[in-house]
Amino acid sequence: MTQAWTTHAGNELPIIDHVGHNCQRDAIALAKHANNCGASGISIIAPSYFPMNTAQDIIDWCAPIAAAAGDLPFYYYDLPQLSGITIPAYDVISRAAEQIPTFAGMKYSGTDPAGLQHCVALGDYDIFWGSDENLLVGLSLGANAAVGSTYNVALPHYKKLLDAFLAGDIDTARKLQALALNMVDLMIPFEVIPSLKAVQQTTGYQLGASRLPFRSLSQEDTENLIKALEPLQIITS
């Protein structure tokens, strides 16, 4: 998959390869592979099966993986609500900056705005905000980039939101954010990931069936969801 993405992306699209794994040895192998494929960076989420009890535990896990990718920028992925790891992201950043030479930033998907502010204050790093439905919150608190699922189907809409924010037109940005939230709210009853797969077809891409534990939407649910989203005029082909 990494080889395919880096080959087709060429020099036009930077590819950050997520190489996280519950087995460190496998993550190291994936990091080496990302470097060999010409990826632009790597990212990992800390393993979730056995607990990570301190920020230093996470650094000790990440450092050999980052080193295996050579000079590629390394990003830590903080997602406490799914990983179960509640060690403050800013504690990880402060140590990573000292102990991982290629550390470049992180994806912050936590739900604590104060935690994001602490991360932003630690230095000039890439802080990717991970909540699509709260993009404006992340931008206002200093996040300088974003990674999110619904950008796959509504990127021009979010670009308008970003442009409005950068231009100081907060009222427009809020209205655009409200529409994005409405989109996510409509997807939640069907689960967001299967919904995205179903809706993606309207943009010209067929992504196939969902994999367990997610289940694909029925044809009826797909049609109903697409019909419900149409008035928002947010999905763009």
C-alpha atoms as a PDB file:
ATOM      1  CA  MET A   1       0.000   0.000   0.000  1.00  0.00           C
ATOM      2  CA  THR A   2       2.800   2.409   0.895  1.00  0.00           C
ATOM      3  CA  GLN A   3       4.645   1.599  -2.300  1.00  0.00           C
ATOM      4  CA  ALA A   4       1.505   2.233  -4.347  1.00  0.00           C
ATOM      5  CA  TRP A   5       0.795   5.582  -2.690  1.00  0.00           C
ATOM      6  CA  THR A   6       4.349   6.897  -2.952  1.00  0.00           C
ATOM      7  CA  THR A   7       4.634   5.746  -6.567  1.00  0.00           C
ATOM      8  CA  HIS A   8       1.438   7.464  -7.686  1.00  0.00           C
ATOM      9  CA  ALA A   9       1.953  10.558  -5.544  1.00  0.00           C
ATOM     10  CA  GLY A  10       5.366  11.320  -7.040  1.00  0.00           C
ATOM     11  CA  ASN A  11       6.629  14.720  -5.937  1.00  0.00           C
ATOM     12  CA  GLU A  12       3.199  16.356  -5.888  1.00  0.00           C
ATOM     13  CA  LEU A  13       1.629  14.779  -2.788  1.00  0.00           C
ATOM     14  CA  PRO A  14       3.585  14.286   0.448  1.00  0.00           C
ATOM     15  CA  ILE A  15       2.857  10.876   1.988  1.00  0.00           C
ATOM     16  CA  ILE A  16       3.082  10.429   5.767  1.00  0.00           C
ATOM     17  CA  ASP A  17       3.015   6.686   6.381  1.00  0.00           C
ATOM     18  CA  HIS A  18       1.442   5.416   9.606  1.00  0.00           C
ATOM     19  CA  VAL A  19       3.659   2.537  10.740  1.00  0.00           C
ATOM     20  CA  GLY A  20       2.244   1.969  14.233  1.00  0.00           C
ATOM     21  CA  HIS A  21       1.946  -1.608  15.444  1.00  0.00           C
ATOM     22  CA  ASN A  22       1.494  -3.504  18.690  1.00  0.00           C
ATOM     23  CA  CYS A  23       4.779  -5.261  17.858  1.00  0.00           C
ATOM     24  CA  GLN A  24       7.732  -2.854  17.886  1.00  0.00           C
ATOM     25  CA  ARG A  25       9.773  -5.090  15.603  1.00  0.00           C
ATOM     26  CA  ASP A  26       7.061  -4.959  12.946  1.00  0.00           C
ATOM     27  CA  ALA A  27       6.751  -1.180  13.342  1.00  0.00           C
ATOM     28  CA  ILE A  28      10.509  -0.856  12.782  1.00  0.00           C
ATOM     29  CA  ALA A  29      10.239  -2.941   9.614  1.00  0.00           C
ATOM     30  CA  LEU A  30       7.383  -0.760   8.368  1.00  0.00           C
ATOM     31  CA  ALA A  31       9.386   2.395   9.127  1.00  0.00           C
ATOM     32  CA  LYS A  32      12.323   1.094   7.091  1.00  0.00           C
ATOM     33  CA  HIS A  33       9.951   0.248   4.272  1.00  0.00           C
ATOM     34  CA  ALA A  34       8.444   3.752   4.341  1.00  0.00           C
ATOM     35  CA  ASN A  35      11.908   5.246   3.974  1.00  0.00           C
ATOM     36  CA  ASN A  36      12.787   2.905   1.112  1.00  0.00           C
ATOM     37  CA  CYS A  37       9.553   3.813  -0.669  1.00  0.00           C
ATOM     38  CA  GLY A  38      10.295   7.534  -0.523  1.00  0.00           C
ATOM     39  CA  ALA A  39       7.618   8.558   1.982  1.00  0.00           C
ATOM     40  CA  SER A  40       7.729  12.120   3.294  1.00  0.00           C
ATOM     41  CA  GLY A  41       7.396  11.114   6.934  1.00  0.00           C
ATOM     42  CA  ILE A  42       6.156   8.461   9.339  1.00  0.00           C
ATOM     43  CA  SER A  43       3.657   8.466  12.177  1.00  0.00           C
ATOM     44  CA  ILE A  44       2.815   5.994  14.929  1.00  0.00           C
ATOM     45  CA  ILE A  45       0.217   5.570  17.616  1.00  0.00           C
ATOM     46  CA  ALA A  46       1.465   3.962  20.822  1.00  0.00           C
ATOM     47  CA  PRO A  47       0.514   0.290  21.266  1.00  0.00           C
ATOM     48  CA  SER A  48      -2.735  -0.281  23.113  1.00  0.00           C
ATOM     49  CA  TYR A  49      -2.702  -3.935  24.171  1.00  0.00           C
ATOM     50  CA  PHE A  50      -0.149  -3.592  26.954  1.00  0.00           C
ATOM     51  CA  PRO A  51      -0.260  -0.301  28.876  1.00  0.00           C
ATOM     52  CA  MET A  52       2.127   2.598  28.486  1.00  0.00           C
ATOM     53  CA  ASN A  53       2.428   4.066  31.983  1.00  0.00           C
ATOM     54  CA  THR A  54       4.685   7.085  31.445  1.00  0.00           C
ATOM     55  CA  ALA A  55       5.685   9.511  28.715  1.00  0.00           C
ATOM     56  CA  GLN A  56       9.161   8.004  28.781  1.00  0.00           C
ATOM     57  CA  ASP A  57       7.678   4.564  28.059  1.00  0.00           C
ATOM     58  CA  ILE A  58       6.184   6.010  24.885  1.00  0.00           C
ATOM     59  CA  ILE A  59       9.476   7.654  23.895  1.00  0.00           C
ATOM     60  CA  ASP A  60      11.405   4.428  24.478  1.00  0.00           C
ATOM     61  CA  TRP A  61       8.904   2.694  22.199  1.00  0.00           C
ATOM     62  CA  CYS A  62       8.961   5.380  19.499  1.00  0.00           C
ATOM     63  CA  ALA A  63      12.673   6.195  19.306  1.00  0.00           C
ATOM     64  CA  PRO A  64      13.893   2.972  17.602  1.00  0.00           C
ATOM     65  CA  ILE A  65      11.006   3.143  15.148  1.00  0.00           C
ATOM     66  CA  ALA A  66      11.789   6.746  14.250  1.00  0.00           C
ATOM     67  CA  ALA A  67      15.480   5.878  13.847  1.00  0.00           C
ATOM     68  CA  ALA A  68      14.618   3.047  11.465  1.00  0.00           C
ATOM     69  CA  ALA A  69      13.116   5.591   9.061  1.00  0.00           C
ATOM     70  CA  GLY A  70      16.394   7.477   8.714  1.00  0.00           C
ATOM     71  CA  ASP A  71      15.923  11.207   8.307  1.00  0.00           C
ATOM     72  CA  LEU A  72      12.173  11.069   7.686  1.00  0.00           C
ATOM     73  CA  PRO A  73      10.160  13.418   9.924  1.00  0.00           C
ATOM     74  CA  PHE A  74       8.519  11.555  12.787  1.00  0.00           C
ATOM     75  CA  TYR A  75       5.010  12.320  14.091  1.00  0.00           C
ATOM     76  CA  TYR A  76       3.357  10.977  17.229  1.00  0.00           C
ATOM     77  CA  TYR A  77      -0.370  10.209  16.965  1.00  0.00           C
ATOM     78  CA  ASP A  78      -2.299  10.941  20.168  1.00  0.00           C
ATOM     79  CA  LEU A  79      -5.770   9.367  20.252  1.00  0.00           C
ATOM     80  CA  PRO A  80      -6.592   8.653  23.902  1.00  0.00           C
ATOM     81  CA  GLN A  81     -10.295   7.936  23.460  1.00  0.00           C
ATOM     82  CA  LEU A  82      -9.485   4.896  21.280  1.00  0.00           C
ATOM     83  CA  SER A  83      -5.978   3.890  22.363  1.00  0.00           C
ATOM     84  CA  GLY A  84      -6.749   4.159  26.076  1.00  0.00           C
ATOM     85  CA  ILE A  85      -3.448   5.984  26.600  1.00  0.00           C
ATOM     86  CA  THR A  86      -4.155   9.067  28.690  1.00  0.00           C
ATOM     87  CA  ILE A  87      -0.589  10.266  29.223  1.00  0.00           C
ATOM     88  CA  PRO A  88      -0.661  13.988  28.340  1.00  0.00           C
ATOM     89  CA  ALA A  89       0.481  14.579  24.784  1.00  0.00           C
ATOM     90  CA  TYR A  90       2.537  17.607  25.822  1.00  0.00           C
ATOM     91  CA  ASP A  91       4.625  15.381  28.114  1.00  0.00           C
ATOM     92  CA  VAL A  92       5.371  13.160  25.130  1.00  0.00           C
ATOM     93  CA  ILE A  93       6.235  16.135  22.901  1.00  0.00           C
ATOM     94  CA  SER A  94       8.625  17.686  25.399  1.00  0.00           C
ATOM     95  CA  ARG A  95      10.568  14.425  25.690  1.00  0.00           C
ATOM     96  CA  ALA A  96      10.386  13.591  21.979  1.00  0.00           C
ATOM     97  CA  ALA A  97      11.911  16.968  21.108  1.00  0.00           C
ATOM     98  CA  GLU A  98      14.921  16.096  23.255  1.00  0.00           C
ATOM     99  CA  GLN A  99      15.321  12.403  22.504  1.00  0.00           C
ATOM    100  CA  ILE A 100      14.105  11.826  18.925  1.00  0.00           C
ATOM    101  CA  PRO A 101      16.190  13.883  16.450  1.00  0.00           C
ATOM    102  CA  THR A 102      13.619  13.574  13.651  1.00  0.00           C
ATOM    103  CA  PHE A 103      10.608  14.543  15.769  1.00  0.00           C
ATOM    104  CA  ALA A 104       8.499  16.973  13.712  1.00  0.00           C
ATOM    105  CA  GLY A 105       5.136  17.134  15.465  1.00  0.00           C
ATOM    106  CA  MET A 106       2.005  15.208  16.249  1.00  0.00           C
ATOM    107  CA  LYS A 107      -1.605  14.553  15.409  1.00  0.00           C
ATOM    108  CA  TYR A 108      -3.686  15.682  18.364  1.00  0.00           C
ATOM    109  CA  SER A 109      -7.019  13.884  18.514  1.00  0.00           C
ATOM    110  CA  GLY A 110      -7.611  14.331  22.216  1.00  0.00           C
ATOM    111  CA  THR A 111     -10.695  16.061  23.519  1.00  0.00           C
ATOM    112  CA  ASP A 112      -8.936  18.428  25.939  1.00  0.00           C
ATOM    113  CA  PRO A 113      -8.502  21.947  24.465  1.00  0.00           C
ATOM    114  CA  ALA A 114      -6.120  22.852  27.292  1.00  0.00           C
ATOM    115  CA  GLY A 115      -3.903  19.931  26.302  1.00  0.00           C
ATOM    116  CA  LEU A 116      -3.734  21.226  22.745  1.00  0.00           C
ATOM    117  CA  GLN A 117      -2.701  24.653  23.985  1.00  0.00           C
ATOM    118  CA  HIS A 118       0.111  23.101  26.019  1.00  0.00           C
ATOM    119  CA  CYS A 119       1.314  21.236  22.911  1.00  0.00           C
ATOM    120  CA  VAL A 120       1.272  24.368  20.756  1.00  0.00           C
ATOM    121  CA  ALA A 121       3.232  26.295  23.378  1.00  0.00           C
ATOM    122  CA  LEU A 122       6.110  23.815  23.373  1.00  0.00           C
ATOM    123  CA  GLY A 123       7.655  24.945  20.105  1.00  0.00           C
ATOM    124  CA  ASP A 124       7.467  25.307  16.353  1.00  0.00           C
ATOM    125  CA  TYR A 125       6.157  21.854  15.520  1.00  0.00           C
ATOM    126  CA  ASP A 126       3.497  20.580  13.133  1.00  0.00           C
ATOM    127  CA  ILE A 127       0.370  20.129  15.236  1.00  0.00           C
ATOM    128  CA  PHE A 128      -2.261  18.283  13.228  1.00  0.00           C
ATOM    129  CA  TRP A 129      -5.765  18.707  14.669  1.00  0.00           C
ATOM    130  CA  GLY A 130      -7.766  15.487  14.470  1.00  0.00           C
ATOM    131  CA  SER A 131     -11.416  16.507  14.908  1.00  0.00           C
ATOM    132  CA  ASP A 132     -13.102  17.461  11.631  1.00  0.00           C
ATOM    133  CA  GLU A 133     -16.303  18.601  13.293  1.00  0.00           C
ATOM    134  CA  ASN A 134     -14.248  20.921  15.527  1.00  0.00           C
ATOM    135  CA  LEU A 135     -11.667  22.148  13.020  1.00  0.00           C
ATOM    136  CA  LEU A 136     -12.321  25.779  13.907  1.00  0.00           C
ATOM    137  CA  VAL A 137     -11.562  25.010  17.565  1.00  0.00           C
ATOM    138  CA  GLY A 138      -8.191  23.530  16.668  1.00  0.00           C
ATOM    139  CA  LEU A 139      -7.289  26.417  14.393  1.00  0.00           C
ATOM    140  CA  SER A 140      -8.243  29.004  16.998  1.00  0.00           C
ATOM    141  CA  LEU A 141      -6.039  27.311  19.598  1.00  0.00           C
ATOM    142  CA  GLY A 142      -2.980  27.204  17.366  1.00  0.00           C
ATOM    143  CA  ALA A 143      -3.064  23.944  15.416  1.00  0.00           C
ATOM    144  CA  ASN A 144      -1.374  24.572  12.068  1.00  0.00           C
ATOM    145  CA  ALA A 145      -2.595  21.549  10.118  1.00  0.00           C
ATOM    146  CA  ALA A 146      -5.320  18.908  10.215  1.00  0.00           C
ATOM    147  CA  VAL A 147      -5.918  15.234   9.494  1.00  0.00           C
ATOM    148  CA  GLY A 148      -9.478  13.978   9.330  1.00  0.00           C
ATOM    149  CA  SER A 149     -11.754  11.419   7.737  1.00  0.00           C
ATOM    150  CA  THR A 150     -14.447  13.679   6.302  1.00  0.00           C
ATOM    151  CA  TYR A 151     -11.886  15.726   4.368  1.00  0.00           C
ATOM    152  CA  ASN A 152     -12.018  12.843   1.880  1.00  0.00           C
ATOM    153  CA  VAL A 153     -15.518  13.851   0.793  1.00  0.00           C
ATOM    154  CA  ALA A 154     -15.704  17.555   1.626  1.00  0.00           C
ATOM    155  CA  LEU A 155     -12.218  19.007   1.251  1.00  0.00           C
ATOM    156  CA  PRO A 156     -13.254  22.134  -0.736  1.00  0.00           C
ATOM    157  CA  HIS A 157     -15.741  22.973   2.023  1.00  0.00           C
ATOM    158  CA  TYR A 158     -13.077  22.737   4.703  1.00  0.00           C
ATOM    159  CA  LYS A 159     -10.703  24.756   2.525  1.00  0.00           C
ATOM    160  CA  LYS A 160     -13.299  27.549   2.487  1.00  0.00           C
ATOM    161  CA  LEU A 161     -13.493  27.309   6.270  1.00  0.00           C
ATOM    162  CA  LEU A 162      -9.704  27.563   6.566  1.00  0.00           C
ATOM    163  CA  ASP A 163      -9.544  30.494   4.156  1.00  0.00           C
ATOM    164  CA  ALA A 164     -12.272  32.313   6.093  1.00  0.00           C
ATOM    165  CA  PHE A 165     -10.434  31.767   9.366  1.00  0.00           C
ATOM    166  CA  LEU A 166      -7.126  32.998   7.951  1.00  0.00           C
ATOM    167  CA  ALA A 167      -8.883  36.067   6.528  1.00  0.00           C
ATOM    168  CA  GLY A 168     -10.373  36.873   9.917  1.00  0.00           C
ATOM    169  CA  ASP A 169     -13.927  36.194   8.739  1.00  0.00           C
ATOM    170  CA  ILE A 170     -14.889  34.206  11.817  1.00  0.00           C
ATOM    171  CA  ASP A 171     -18.628  34.496  11.221  1.00  0.00           C
ATOM    172  CA  THR A 172     -18.321  32.725   7.858  1.00  0.00           C
ATOM    173  CA  ALA A 173     -15.960  30.172   9.350  1.00  0.00           C
ATOM    174  CA  ARG A 174     -18.485  29.384  12.080  1.00  0.00           C
ATOM    175  CA  LYS A 175     -21.279  28.884   9.565  1.00  0.00           C
ATOM    176  CA  LEU A 176     -19.121  26.552   7.491  1.00  0.00           C
ATOM    177  CA  GLN A 177     -18.124  24.639  10.609  1.00  0.00           C
ATOM    178  CA  ALA A 178     -21.785  24.253  11.571  1.00  0.00           C
ATOM    179  CA  LEU A 179     -22.500  22.659   8.192  1.00  0.00           C
ATOM    180  CA  ALA A 180     -19.598  20.240   8.686  1.00  0.00           C
ATOM    181  CA  LEU A 181     -20.971  19.324  12.101  1.00  0.00           C
ATOM    182  CA  ASN A 182     -24.383  18.695  10.552  1.00  0.00           C
ATOM    183  CA  MET A 183     -22.733  16.360   8.047  1.00  0.00           C
ATOM    184  CA  VAL A 184     -21.028  14.368  10.790  1.00  0.00           C
ATOM    185  CA  ASP A 185     -24.242  14.266  12.842  1.00  0.00           C
ATOM    186  CA  LEU A 186     -26.041  12.698   9.887  1.00  0.00           C
ATOM    187  CA  MET A 187     -23.318  10.065   9.547  1.00  0.00           C
ATOM    188  CA  ILE A 188     -23.070   9.077  13.217  1.00  0.00           C
ATOM    189  CA  PRO A 189     -26.237   6.899  13.302  1.00  0.00           C
ATOM    190  CA  PHE A 190     -24.703   4.772  10.512  1.00  0.00           C
ATOM    191  CA  GLU A 191     -21.145   5.040  11.957  1.00  0.00           C
ATOM    192  CA  VAL A 192     -18.830   7.562  10.341  1.00  0.00           C
ATOM    193  CA  ILE A 193     -16.337   5.225   8.646  1.00  0.00           C
ATOM    194  CA  PRO A 194     -18.916   3.067   6.797  1.00  0.00           C
ATOM    195  CA  SER A 195     -20.813   6.256   5.972  1.00  0.00           C
ATOM    196  CA  LEU A 196     -17.725   7.779   4.380  1.00  0.00           C
ATOM    197  CA  LYS A 197     -17.175   4.686   2.268  1.00  0.00           C
ATOM    198  CA  ALA A 198     -20.769   4.832   1.100  1.00  0.00           C
ATOM    199  CA  VAL A 199     -20.774   8.581   0.405  1.00  0.00           C
ATOM    200  CA  GLN A 200     -17.390   8.535  -1.336  1.00  0.00           C
ATOM    201  CA  GLN A 201     -19.035   7.070  -4.428  1.00  0.00           C
ATOM    202  CA  THR A 202     -20.681  10.436  -5.048  1.00  0.00           C
ATOM    203  CA  THR A 203     -17.209  11.945  -5.531  1.00  0.00           C
ATOM    204  CA  GLY A 204     -16.345   9.435  -8.241  1.00  0.00           C
ATOM    205  CA  TYR A 205     -14.476   6.855  -6.176  1.00  0.00           C
ATOM    206  CA  GLN A 206     -15.659   3.347  -5.339  1.00  0.00           C
ATOM    207  CA  LEU A 207     -13.845   2.179  -2.202  1.00  0.00           C
ATOM    208  CA  GLY A 208     -15.417  -1.230  -1.744  1.00  0.00           C
ATOM    209  CA  ALA A 209     -16.891  -2.819   1.362  1.00  0.00           C
ATOM    210  CA  SER A 210     -16.064  -1.935   4.940  1.00  0.00           C
ATOM    211  CA  ARG A 211     -13.906  -4.344   6.924  1.00  0.00           C
ATOM    212  CA  LEU A 212     -14.864  -5.691  10.340  1.00  0.00           C
ATOM    213  CA  PRO A 213     -15.566  -4.466  12.944  1.00  0.00           C
ATOM    214  CA  PHE A 214     -17.327  -1.999  10.641  1.00  0.00           C
ATOM    215  CA  ARG A 215     -20.157  -3.183   8.415  1.00  0.00           C
ATOM    216  CA  SER A 216     -21.067  -1.719   5.069  1.00  0.00           C
ATOM    217  CA  LEU A 217     -24.239   0.309   4.743  1.00  0.00           C
ATOM    218  CA  SER A 218     -27.151  -1.295   2.956  1.00  0.00           C
ATOM    219  CA  GLN A 219     -28.170   0.155  -0.365  1.00  0.00           C
ATOM    220  CA  GLU A 220     -31.231   1.664   1.301  1.00  0.00           C
ATOM    221  CA  ASP A 221     -29.210   3.307   4.077  1.00  0.00           C
ATOM    222  CA  THR A 222     -26.696   4.573   1.533  1.00  0.00           C
ATOM    223  CA  GLU A 223     -29.408   6.205  -0.545  1.00  0.00           C
ATOM    224  CA  ASN A 224     -31.078   7.711   2.531  1.00  0.00           C
ATOM    225  CA  LEU A 225     -27.789   9.124   3.822  1.00  0.00           C
ATOM    226  CA  ILE A 226     -26.816  10.642   0.486  1.00  0.00           C
ATOM    227  CA  LYS A 227     -30.291  12.171   0.163  1.00  0.00           C
ATOM    228  CA  ALA A 228     -30.055  13.641   3.681  1.00  0.00           C
ATOM    229  CA  LEU A 229     -26.651  15.167   2.923  1.00  0.00           C
ATOM    230  CA  GLU A 230     -27.656  16.774  -0.370  1.00  0.00           C
ATOM    231  CA  PRO A 231     -29.262  19.944   1.140  1.00  0.00           C
ATOM    232  CA  LEU A 232     -25.977  20.743   2.915  1.00  0.00           C
ATOM    233  CA  GLN A 233     -24.216  21.030  -0.480  1.00  0.00           C
ATOM    234  CA  ILE A 234     -21.006  20.006   1.230  1.00  0.00           C
ATOM    235  CA  ILE A 235     -20.010  16.827  -0.633  1.00  0.00           C
ATOM    236  CA  THR A 236     -17.945  17.723  -3.694  1.00  0.00           C
ATOM    237  CA  SER A 237     -16.935  15.523  -6.617  1.00  0.00           C
END
